[in-house]
């Protein structure tokens, strides 16, 4: 079994319902055991900024699925919830990303682990630090609290909106 951290986000439609449906689907998937869920944070968009606010968070799971099988499972959950692929970093019904998969470092055409941008994103690091403050980034060799403290962006752009569910 591997401990894996999954980032989730939504900014179209009933954002919280999309997230709840995704977490529920994860919890019902064979080979996955849900461990922890962060608070859900209201966040400003990153990259393409002309879009609605996101709801974001992180879930910790244990899984026997290998990385590419887990990625396939996450993409199937996104599709089942109604994800439409638009522009890069654009609006989405649901987004599920593998952030960290144990201490694995992997770079393929389809998947990069740890997530290539996670150490630059408050909307990933804040919920991750909430549920795993001592987790060490497998490449940078620093814990998520240190990475979060090092960010120089607008701290006020992130607000915890909802407490854990399930």
Protein backbone atom coordinates (compact mmCIF):
# COMPACT_ATOMS: atom_id res chain seq x y z
CA UNK A 1 0.00 0.00 0.00
CA UNK A 2 1.14 3.52 -0.82
CA UNK A 3 0.18 6.79 0.83
CA UNK A 4 -0.88 9.23 -1.86
CA UNK A 5 -2.06 12.84 -1.68
CA UNK A 6 -4.69 13.91 -4.19
CA UNK A 7 -5.43 17.58 -4.89
CA UNK A 8 -9.00 18.43 -5.82
CA UNK A 9 -10.67 21.56 -7.17
CA UNK A 10 -13.81 22.87 -8.84
CA UNK A 11 -15.06 26.22 -10.09
CA UNK A 12 -18.07 25.41 -12.28
CA UNK A 13 -21.61 24.57 -11.19
CA UNK A 14 -22.22 23.18 -7.71
CA UNK A 15 -18.55 23.16 -6.77
CA UNK A 16 -18.96 21.58 -3.36
CA UNK A 17 -21.23 18.84 -4.73
CA UNK A 18 -18.67 18.05 -7.45
CA UNK A 19 -15.97 17.72 -4.79
CA UNK A 20 -18.16 15.61 -2.51
CA UNK A 21 -19.03 13.33 -5.43
CA UNK A 22 -15.36 12.93 -6.32
CA UNK A 23 -14.37 12.12 -2.73
CA UNK A 24 -17.25 9.66 -2.45
CA UNK A 25 -16.20 7.98 -5.71
CA UNK A 26 -12.62 7.73 -4.46
CA UNK A 27 -13.78 6.16 -1.21
CA UNK A 28 -15.79 3.52 -3.11
CA UNK A 29 -12.97 2.56 -5.51
CA UNK A 30 -11.42 -0.86 -5.05
CA UNK A 31 -7.79 -0.54 -4.03
CA UNK A 32 -8.27 2.90 -2.43
CA UNK A 33 -8.84 3.69 1.24
CA UNK A 34 -9.60 7.29 2.15
CA UNK A 35 -7.46 8.44 5.11
CA UNK A 36 -7.96 12.21 5.58
CA UNK A 37 -9.57 15.17 3.85
CA UNK A 38 -8.51 18.76 4.34
CA UNK A 39 -10.86 21.65 4.75
CA UNK A 40 -12.15 23.00 1.46
CA UNK A 41 -10.65 26.38 0.62
CA UNK A 42 -12.03 29.16 -1.55
CA UNK A 43 -9.20 30.27 -3.82
CA UNK A 44 -8.50 32.68 -6.63
CA UNK A 45 -7.71 31.13 -10.03
CA UNK A 46 -4.09 30.67 -11.07
CA UNK A 47 -2.80 30.83 -14.64
CA UNK A 48 -5.94 31.80 -16.52
CA UNK A 49 -7.39 34.35 -14.10
CA UNK A 50 -10.60 35.39 -15.93
CA UNK A 51 -12.80 32.75 -14.29
CA UNK A 52 -14.74 32.04 -11.09
CA UNK A 53 -13.14 31.29 -7.73
CA UNK A 54 -12.21 27.70 -7.05
CA UNK A 55 -12.89 25.43 -4.14
CA UNK A 56 -9.73 23.40 -3.46
CA UNK A 57 -8.44 20.86 -0.99
CA UNK A 58 -6.39 17.70 -0.55
CA UNK A 59 -7.27 14.11 0.29
CA UNK A 60 -4.87 11.51 1.69
CA UNK A 61 -5.46 7.97 0.52
CA UNK A 62 -3.83 4.58 0.79
CA UNK A 63 -3.80 2.65 -2.44
CA UNK A 64 -2.54 -0.54 -3.99
CA UNK A 65 -3.00 0.96 -7.47
CA UNK A 66 0.17 1.75 -9.41
CA UNK A 67 0.55 5.42 -10.42
CA UNK A 68 -0.77 5.20 -13.99
CA UNK A 69 -3.74 3.07 -12.91
CA UNK A 70 -4.53 5.63 -10.21
CA UNK A 71 -4.30 8.42 -12.79
CA UNK A 72 -6.70 6.51 -15.04
CA UNK A 73 -9.10 6.07 -12.10
CA UNK A 74 -8.99 9.81 -11.32
CA UNK A 75 -9.67 10.71 -14.96
CA UNK A 76 -12.65 8.31 -14.99
CA UNK A 77 -14.05 9.96 -11.85
CA UNK A 78 -13.64 13.40 -13.45
CA UNK A 79 -15.49 12.21 -16.56
CA UNK A 80 -18.29 10.65 -14.50
CA UNK A 81 -18.79 13.96 -12.66
CA UNK A 82 -19.03 15.81 -15.98
CA UNK A 83 -15.60 17.32 -16.51
CA UNK A 84 -15.32 19.06 -19.86
CA UNK A 85 -11.81 19.77 -21.10
CA UNK A 86 -11.42 23.39 -22.08
CA UNK A 87 -8.31 25.57 -22.02
CA UNK A 88 -5.25 24.83 -19.86
CA UNK A 89 -5.77 26.10 -16.29
CA UNK A 90 -9.29 27.07 -17.28
CA UNK A 91 -12.66 26.45 -15.67
CA UNK A 92 -13.47 22.90 -14.63
CA UNK A 93 -16.25 20.97 -12.98
CA UNK A 94 -13.70 18.85 -11.09
CA UNK A 95 -9.96 18.39 -11.17
CA UNK A 96 -8.14 15.56 -9.42
CA UNK A 97 -4.33 15.57 -9.36
CA UNK A 98 -1.80 13.17 -7.87
CA UNK A 99 0.42 15.43 -5.78
CA UNK A 100 2.67 12.97 -3.98
CA UNK A 101 2.76 9.18 -4.25
CA UNK A 102 4.85 7.93 -1.32
CA UNK A 103 8.45 8.88 -2.01
CA UNK A 104 8.15 8.08 -5.72
CA UNK A 105 9.68 10.37 -8.33
CA UNK A 106 8.26 9.74 -11.79
CA UNK A 107 8.30 11.68 -15.03
CA UNK A 108 6.41 10.35 -18.05
CA UNK A 109 4.51 12.01 -20.88
CA UNK A 110 1.24 11.47 -18.98
CA UNK A 111 2.27 11.88 -15.35
CA UNK A 112 4.82 13.74 -13.23
CA UNK A 113 5.14 12.82 -9.54
CA UNK A 114 5.52 14.79 -7.37
CA UNK A 115 3.25 17.30 -9.07
CA UNK A 116 5.53 19.75 -10.86
CA UNK A 117 3.85 22.96 -9.63
CA UNK A 118 2.65 21.98 -6.15
CA UNK A 119 5.48 23.72 -4.26
CA UNK A 120 4.46 27.06 -5.87
CA UNK A 121 0.74 26.87 -5.09
CA UNK A 122 -0.80 28.01 -1.83
CA UNK A 123 -4.09 26.32 -2.76
CA UNK A 124 -2.21 22.99 -2.69
CA UNK A 125 0.24 23.56 0.15
CA UNK A 126 -2.21 25.03 2.71
CA UNK A 127 -4.64 22.08 2.67
CA UNK A 128 -1.74 19.62 2.40
CA UNK A 129 -0.05 21.19 5.45
CA UNK A 130 -3.37 20.94 7.30
CA UNK A 131 -3.53 17.14 6.97
CA UNK A 132 0.19 16.26 6.67
CA UNK A 133 2.32 19.11 8.06
CA UNK A 134 5.49 17.03 8.30
CA UNK A 135 5.21 15.49 4.84
CA UNK A 136 8.51 15.87 3.00
CA UNK A 137 8.53 16.73 -0.70
CA UNK A 138 10.44 13.82 -2.29
CA UNK A 139 12.49 16.04 -4.63
CA UNK A 140 12.94 19.26 -2.66
CA UNK A 141 13.54 17.38 0.63
CA UNK A 142 11.64 20.00 2.65
CA UNK A 143 8.39 19.59 4.51
CA UNK A 144 5.21 21.22 3.25
CA UNK A 145 5.09 23.70 6.15
CA UNK A 146 8.45 25.13 5.09
CA UNK A 147 7.40 25.25 1.44
CA UNK A 148 4.16 27.02 2.43
CA UNK A 149 5.97 29.55 4.64
CA UNK A 150 8.34 30.36 1.79
CA UNK A 151 5.60 31.44 -0.64
CA UNK A 152 5.54 35.18 -1.29
CA UNK A 153 2.06 35.43 -2.82
CA UNK A 154 -1.07 36.99 -1.33
CA UNK A 155 -1.89 34.94 1.78
CA UNK A 156 -5.34 36.52 2.03
CA UNK A 157 -6.38 34.94 -1.29
CA UNK A 158 -7.01 31.63 0.50
CA UNK A 159 -9.88 31.16 2.93
CA UNK A 160 -11.09 27.92 4.53
CA UNK A 161 -14.76 27.71 3.61
CA UNK A 162 -15.97 24.25 4.53
CA UNK A 163 -14.89 21.66 7.03
CA UNK A 164 -14.30 18.05 6.08
CA UNK A 165 -17.18 15.85 5.08
CA UNK A 166 -17.71 12.07 4.87
